[in-house]
Amino acid sequence: MQKIQILGKPLIVLLFSLPNFAFAEPDADRLFAAGDWDAAADAYMSRTIDDPEDAVAWFGLAVSARQAERYDAASAALDRAEVLKYSPVRVGLERARLGVIANDAEVAVAELQEVASSGFAAVNVITDDPLLMTLAGHADFDELVATMSVQAFPCEHDELFSAFDFWVGEWDVHVAGGAFAGSNRIEIAQRGCVLIEHWRSATGGTGTSINYLDKTSDQWVQIWNDAGGSQINIRGGMTDDGMLLTGTIHYVANGTTAAFRGLWTPLPDGRVRQFFEQSSDDGETWTPWFEGFYTRKPADAAEPRNSN
């Protein structure tokens, strides 16, 4: 792609490259938001004439001109935005787009690599951009996206965060005697960083828990609250018997707190056993609080690790 150097008479060059230029200044930002690219480019040009140091206007002109297929003007305006120290990340992304348009994948990928090397990790900005995603299949581009994805969404790529995935899904829950106790839905959220529980009992009671791996201790944590005012705060990790979390339960109604623990055990038949116990003597002895057996609903399958 041939770039127009902004030296000597930049305004003359750009004026000739932008047809139908109007000296009355419309609202450039409004035209940009509306996708009226020709008019937006003209409006941003008017702003740069009024204030040649307006980096935002130069960048707006670069993007608008590209969208209007005025590529030489877009490149020249982008050069000027860079000279005025407009956001290096946004300039780099825009240069990559121009590289794609020029069918120069090497230049486009090099620009994206430079953006990433500056510490930019918002890979979704790239993967949500249809123009940049035409680079998919280019080895260096694919490697860059993979590397940035690990930085942007580390929980999805850390196997420790999948330890509790056996509990993920849509479940019917029965007590040991077979009576229906309620339904539970456990879903992966925040790109694999959190499990969220949505419980509804057979009698209409509801409860919610947030479950996550505390990376400062590598312990799993559950914070539970239900409509009846039971507040559970337990932590721990995987054992030979399953996920064992210990801590306390607090009853809002009467203000009492007791030692509490829960054990989730994946069973050979695909069910999960959940067993809660409470202690009134600081853990010396334990009393069963709830025992439930989870059976997957017929159409359910465990959610993948990359669930949003």
Protein backbone atom coordinates (compact mmCIF):
# COMPACT_ATOMS: atom_id res chain seq x y z
CA MET A 1 0.00 0.00 0.00
CA GLN A 2 1.39 3.39 -0.96
CA LYS A 3 1.30 5.88 1.87
CA ILE A 4 0.91 9.61 1.32
CA GLN A 5 3.50 11.40 3.41
CA ILE A 6 2.17 14.43 5.21
CA LEU A 7 4.97 16.80 4.32
CA GLY A 8 4.79 20.23 2.82
CA LYS A 9 1.14 20.51 1.74
CA PRO A 10 -0.84 17.81 3.56
CA LEU A 11 -4.18 19.58 3.37
CA ILE A 12 -3.98 20.04 -0.40
CA VAL A 13 -3.18 16.36 -0.87
CA LEU A 14 -6.05 15.25 1.35
CA LEU A 15 -8.52 17.75 -0.06
CA PHE A 16 -7.99 16.40 -3.55
CA SER A 17 -8.29 12.82 -2.26
CA LEU A 18 -11.63 13.47 -0.55
CA PRO A 19 -14.32 14.41 -3.10
CA ASN A 20 -17.35 16.50 -2.24
CA PHE A 21 -15.50 18.19 0.60
CA ALA A 22 -17.64 20.76 2.40
CA PHE A 23 -16.20 23.56 4.45
CA ALA A 24 -19.27 23.76 6.67
CA GLU A 25 -18.50 21.50 9.62
CA PRO A 26 -21.26 18.96 10.35
CA ASP A 27 -21.18 16.77 13.44
CA ALA A 28 -18.39 14.35 12.52
CA ASP A 29 -18.97 12.05 15.45
CA ARG A 30 -22.69 11.78 14.71
CA LEU A 31 -22.00 10.98 11.07
CA PHE A 32 -19.38 8.41 12.14
CA ALA A 33 -21.83 6.72 14.50
CA ALA A 34 -24.42 6.63 11.72
CA GLY A 35 -21.95 4.99 9.33
CA ASP A 36 -22.15 7.85 6.83
CA TRP A 37 -18.49 7.43 6.00
CA ASP A 38 -18.12 9.92 3.13
CA ALA A 39 -19.77 12.69 5.09
CA ALA A 40 -17.90 11.77 8.28
CA ALA A 41 -14.56 11.93 6.47
CA ASP A 42 -15.41 15.39 5.14
CA ALA A 43 -16.48 16.53 8.59
CA TYR A 44 -13.34 15.25 10.26
CA MET A 45 -11.27 16.96 7.56
CA SER A 46 -12.98 20.21 8.44
CA ARG A 47 -11.98 19.69 12.06
CA THR A 48 -8.36 19.07 11.13
CA ILE A 49 -8.34 22.32 9.16
CA ASP A 50 -9.68 24.19 12.17
CA ASP A 51 -7.21 22.44 14.46
CA PRO A 52 -4.31 20.61 12.76
CA GLU A 53 -3.24 19.27 16.17
CA ASP A 54 -6.54 17.46 16.79
CA ALA A 55 -5.33 13.85 16.94
CA VAL A 56 -8.83 12.50 17.53
CA ALA A 57 -10.07 14.14 14.34
CA TRP A 58 -7.16 12.77 12.33
CA PHE A 59 -7.88 9.27 13.58
CA GLY A 60 -11.59 9.68 12.89
CA LEU A 61 -10.66 10.79 9.39
CA ALA A 62 -8.44 7.72 8.96
CA VAL A 63 -11.19 5.30 9.92
CA SER A 64 -13.91 7.10 7.98
CA ALA A 65 -11.77 7.33 4.85
CA ARG A 66 -10.97 3.62 5.06
CA GLN A 67 -14.64 2.77 5.37
CA ALA A 68 -15.32 5.04 2.38
CA GLU A 69 -12.60 3.17 0.44
CA ARG A 70 -10.35 6.23 0.24
CA TYR A 71 -7.31 4.28 1.28
CA ASP A 72 -4.54 6.77 0.46
CA ALA A 73 -6.33 9.42 2.49
CA ALA A 74 -6.86 6.94 5.32
CA SER A 75 -3.16 6.07 5.42
CA ALA A 76 -2.10 9.72 5.37
CA ALA A 77 -4.50 10.65 8.16
CA LEU A 78 -3.32 7.70 10.24
CA ASP A 79 0.29 8.85 9.82
CA ARG A 80 -0.71 12.25 11.16
CA ALA A 81 -2.61 10.74 14.11
CA GLU A 82 0.48 8.74 15.00
CA VAL A 83 2.72 11.83 14.82
CA LEU A 84 0.32 13.52 17.24
CA LYS A 85 0.72 10.52 19.58
CA TYR A 86 -2.81 9.22 19.30
CA SER A 87 -3.40 5.83 20.98
CA PRO A 88 -0.66 3.50 19.65
CA VAL A 89 -2.95 0.50 20.10
CA ARG A 90 -5.77 1.97 18.03
CA VAL A 91 -3.33 3.21 15.41
CA GLY A 92 -1.73 -0.24 15.21
CA LEU A 93 -5.08 -1.98 14.85
CA GLU A 94 -6.08 0.43 12.11
CA ARG A 95 -2.77 -0.10 10.28
CA ALA A 96 -3.45 -3.83 10.45
CA ARG A 97 -6.85 -3.29 8.83
CA LEU A 98 -5.24 -1.30 6.04
CA GLY A 99 -2.74 -4.10 5.62
CA VAL A 100 -5.56 -6.59 5.18
CA ILE A 101 -7.20 -4.36 2.58
CA ALA A 102 -3.88 -4.12 0.74
CA ASN A 103 -3.67 -7.95 0.74
CA ASP A 104 -0.47 -7.71 2.78
CA ALA A 105 -1.03 -10.26 5.52
CA GLU A 106 2.58 -10.05 6.72
CA VAL A 107 2.28 -6.32 7.40
CA ALA A 108 -1.11 -6.76 9.04
CA VAL A 109 0.08 -9.52 11.36
CA ALA A 110 3.27 -7.60 12.21
CA GLU A 111 1.15 -4.62 13.27
CA LEU A 112 -0.99 -6.85 15.47
CA GLN A 113 2.10 -8.45 17.00
CA GLU A 114 3.44 -5.01 17.86
CA VAL A 115 0.12 -4.09 19.47
CA ALA A 116 0.18 -7.28 21.54
CA SER A 117 3.81 -6.75 22.58
CA SER A 118 2.78 -3.41 24.11
CA GLY A 119 0.71 -5.31 26.66
CA PHE A 120 -2.64 -5.18 24.89
CA ALA A 121 -4.47 -8.43 25.71
CA ALA A 122 -8.09 -7.75 24.65
CA VAL A 123 -8.08 -10.51 22.05
CA ASN A 124 -11.83 -10.13 21.52
CA VAL A 125 -11.16 -6.79 19.82
CA ILE A 126 -9.40 -8.78 17.13
CA THR A 127 -11.63 -11.85 17.05
CA ASP A 128 -14.79 -9.70 16.88
CA ASP A 129 -13.42 -7.73 13.92
CA PRO A 130 -14.58 -9.35 10.64
CA LEU A 131 -11.83 -7.63 8.64
CA LEU A 132 -9.00 -8.73 10.91
CA MET A 133 -10.43 -12.25 11.17
CA THR A 134 -9.87 -12.74 7.46
CA LEU A 135 -6.29 -13.37 8.61
CA ALA A 136 -7.41 -16.61 10.29
CA GLY A 137 -5.41 -19.49 8.89
CA HIS A 138 -2.21 -17.46 8.72
CA ALA A 139 0.11 -19.35 11.08
CA ASP A 140 1.51 -16.29 12.85
CA PHE A 141 -1.94 -14.76 13.23
CA ASP A 142 -3.40 -17.96 14.70
CA GLU A 143 -0.48 -18.23 17.11
CA LEU A 144 -0.92 -14.61 18.17
CA VAL A 145 -4.64 -15.06 18.85
CA ALA A 146 -3.94 -18.22 20.86
CA THR A 147 -1.29 -16.48 22.95
CA MET A 148 -3.47 -13.44 23.56
CA SER A 149 -6.41 -15.68 24.50
CA VAL A 150 -4.37 -17.24 27.30
CA GLN A 151 -3.51 -13.78 28.60
CA ALA A 152 -7.05 -12.44 28.23
CA PHE A 153 -8.90 -15.48 29.62
CA PRO A 154 -6.43 -17.35 31.85
CA CYS A 155 -9.03 -19.40 33.73
CA GLU A 156 -10.04 -21.21 30.55
CA HIS A 157 -6.47 -22.35 30.08
CA ASP A 158 -5.65 -23.35 33.68
CA GLU A 159 -6.70 -26.94 34.42
CA LEU A 160 -7.09 -26.14 38.12
CA PHE A 161 -10.22 -24.16 37.26
CA SER A 162 -11.85 -27.27 35.75
CA ALA A 163 -11.61 -29.39 38.92
CA PHE A 164 -15.26 -28.77 39.83
CA ASP A 165 -16.61 -29.20 36.29
CA PHE A 166 -18.13 -32.58 37.17
CA TRP A 167 -20.85 -30.59 38.99
CA VAL A 168 -21.68 -28.41 35.97
CA GLY A 169 -25.04 -29.06 34.32
CA GLU A 170 -28.83 -29.25 34.73
CA TRP A 171 -29.81 -31.64 37.50
CA ASP A 172 -32.74 -33.26 39.27
CA VAL A 173 -31.88 -33.83 42.92
CA HIS A 174 -33.29 -36.60 45.09
CA VAL A 175 -32.65 -37.49 48.71
CA ALA A 176 -31.28 -40.90 49.66
CA GLY A 177 -34.77 -42.41 49.94
CA GLY A 178 -35.61 -41.35 46.38
CA ALA A 179 -37.92 -38.40 47.10
CA PHE A 180 -37.54 -35.43 44.76
CA ALA A 181 -35.71 -32.60 46.56
CA GLY A 182 -35.45 -29.99 43.81
CA SER A 183 -33.67 -28.87 40.67
CA ASN A 184 -30.24 -27.33 40.34
CA ARG A 185 -28.42 -25.63 37.50
CA ILE A 186 -24.68 -25.09 37.74
CA GLU A 187 -23.18 -23.02 34.95
CA ILE A 188 -19.72 -21.84 33.97
CA ALA A 189 -19.42 -18.06 33.87
CA GLN A 190 -16.80 -15.38 33.33
CA ARG A 191 -14.84 -17.38 30.79
CA GLY A 192 -14.25 -20.30 33.14
CA CYS A 193 -13.38 -18.30 36.27
CA VAL A 194 -16.65 -18.91 38.13
CA LEU A 195 -19.33 -21.56 38.64
CA ILE A 196 -22.78 -20.22 39.49
CA GLU A 197 -25.39 -22.41 41.19
CA HIS A 198 -29.14 -21.81 40.84
CA TRP A 199 -31.15 -24.00 43.24
CA ARG A 200 -34.93 -24.41 43.48
CA SER A 201 -36.31 -26.84 46.03
CA ALA A 202 -39.40 -28.99 45.60
CA THR A 203 -41.21 -26.67 48.02
CA GLY A 204 -40.24 -23.49 46.13
CA GLY A 205 -37.24 -22.38 48.13
CA THR A 206 -34.35 -20.85 46.19
CA GLY A 207 -30.64 -20.35 46.67
CA THR A 208 -27.58 -19.23 44.77
CA SER A 209 -23.89 -19.89 45.19
CA ILE A 210 -20.74 -18.52 43.62
CA ASN A 211 -17.90 -21.03 43.34
CA TYR A 212 -14.38 -20.14 42.27
CA LEU A 213 -10.75 -21.07 42.62
CA ASP A 214 -8.93 -18.58 44.85
CA LYS A 215 -5.56 -18.45 43.09
CA THR A 216 -3.87 -16.81 46.07
CA SER A 217 -4.31 -20.10 47.95
CA ASP A 218 -5.32 -22.53 45.16
CA GLN A 219 -8.39 -23.35 47.24
CA TRP A 220 -11.93 -23.64 45.94
CA VAL A 221 -14.43 -21.29 47.59
CA GLN A 222 -18.22 -21.45 47.80
CA ILE A 223 -20.30 -18.48 48.91
CA TRP A 224 -23.96 -19.48 49.26
CA ASN A 225 -27.05 -17.43 50.10
CA ASP A 226 -30.66 -18.54 50.05
CA ALA A 227 -34.01 -16.84 50.42
CA GLY A 228 -34.30 -18.13 53.98
CA GLY A 229 -31.17 -16.32 55.10
CA SER A 230 -28.71 -19.20 55.25
CA GLN A 231 -25.21 -17.95 54.44
CA ILE A 232 -22.50 -20.53 53.73
CA ASN A 233 -18.82 -19.67 53.37
CA ILE A 234 -16.62 -22.71 52.80
CA ARG A 235 -13.34 -23.48 51.08
CA GLY A 236 -11.03 -26.40 50.32
CA GLY A 237 -10.23 -28.61 47.36
CA MET A 238 -10.28 -32.00 45.70
CA THR A 239 -9.68 -35.11 47.81
CA ASP A 240 -9.88 -38.81 47.03
CA ASP A 241 -13.57 -38.61 47.99
CA GLY A 242 -14.41 -35.55 45.91
CA MET A 243 -14.56 -31.78 46.40
CA LEU A 244 -14.39 -31.13 50.16
CA LEU A 245 -15.05 -27.58 51.39
CA THR A 246 -15.18 -26.52 55.04
CA GLY A 247 -16.04 -23.31 56.85
CA THR A 248 -19.16 -21.87 58.42
CA ILE A 249 -22.90 -21.43 58.00
CA HIS A 250 -24.62 -18.37 59.40
CA TYR A 251 -28.37 -18.11 59.99
CA VAL A 252 -29.57 -14.56 59.50
CA ALA A 253 -32.90 -15.25 61.22
CA ASN A 254 -31.41 -16.02 64.65
CA GLY A 255 -27.87 -14.67 64.27
CA THR A 256 -26.12 -17.99 64.97
CA THR A 257 -23.03 -19.37 63.24
CA ALA A 258 -21.85 -22.98 63.10
CA ALA A 259 -19.04 -25.01 61.57
CA PHE A 260 -20.08 -26.42 58.23
CA ARG A 261 -18.68 -28.64 55.47
CA GLY A 262 -19.76 -30.00 52.11
CA LEU A 263 -18.55 -32.92 50.02
CA TRP A 264 -19.36 -33.38 46.32
CA THR A 265 -18.53 -36.85 45.01
CA PRO A 266 -18.81 -37.90 41.33
CA LEU A 267 -20.32 -41.38 41.24
CA PRO A 268 -19.53 -44.14 38.71
CA ASP A 269 -23.05 -43.99 37.23
CA GLY A 270 -22.68 -40.30 36.32
CA ARG A 271 -24.57 -38.95 39.31
CA VAL A 272 -23.08 -36.62 41.92
CA ARG A 273 -23.59 -37.02 45.66
CA GLN A 274 -23.74 -33.81 47.69
CA PHE A 275 -23.38 -34.24 51.44
CA PHE A 276 -23.56 -31.32 53.88
CA GLU A 277 -22.79 -31.54 57.60
CA GLN A 278 -22.97 -29.08 60.47
CA SER A 279 -21.16 -29.04 63.81
CA SER A 280 -22.25 -27.40 67.05
CA ASP A 281 -18.95 -28.09 68.83
CA ASP A 282 -16.42 -26.50 66.49
CA GLY A 283 -15.91 -29.63 64.44
CA GLU A 284 -15.57 -32.21 67.17
CA THR A 285 -18.70 -33.99 65.98
CA TRP A 286 -20.79 -33.58 62.85
CA THR A 287 -24.52 -33.88 62.10
CA PRO A 288 -25.89 -34.48 58.57
CA TRP A 289 -27.51 -31.32 57.19
CA PHE A 290 -28.43 -32.42 53.66
CA GLU A 291 -27.70 -35.37 51.40
CA GLY A 292 -28.74 -35.22 47.78
CA PHE A 293 -28.07 -37.28 44.67
CA TYR A 294 -27.82 -35.36 41.41
CA THR A 295 -29.10 -36.92 38.18
CA ARG A 296 -28.62 -35.09 34.90
CA LYS A 297 -31.74 -33.94 33.14
CA PRO A 298 -32.24 -35.94 29.90
CA ALA A 299 -31.13 -33.25 27.43
CA ASP A 300 -28.27 -31.97 29.56
CA ALA A 301 -24.56 -32.14 28.81
CA ALA A 302 -21.74 -30.53 30.73
CA GLU A 303 -20.91 -27.04 29.48
CA PRO A 304 -17.57 -26.49 27.77
CA ARG A 305 -14.78 -24.60 29.46
CA ASN A 306 -15.12 -21.64 27.11
CA SER A 307 -18.66 -20.75 28.20
CA ASN A 308 -19.12 -16.97 28.71
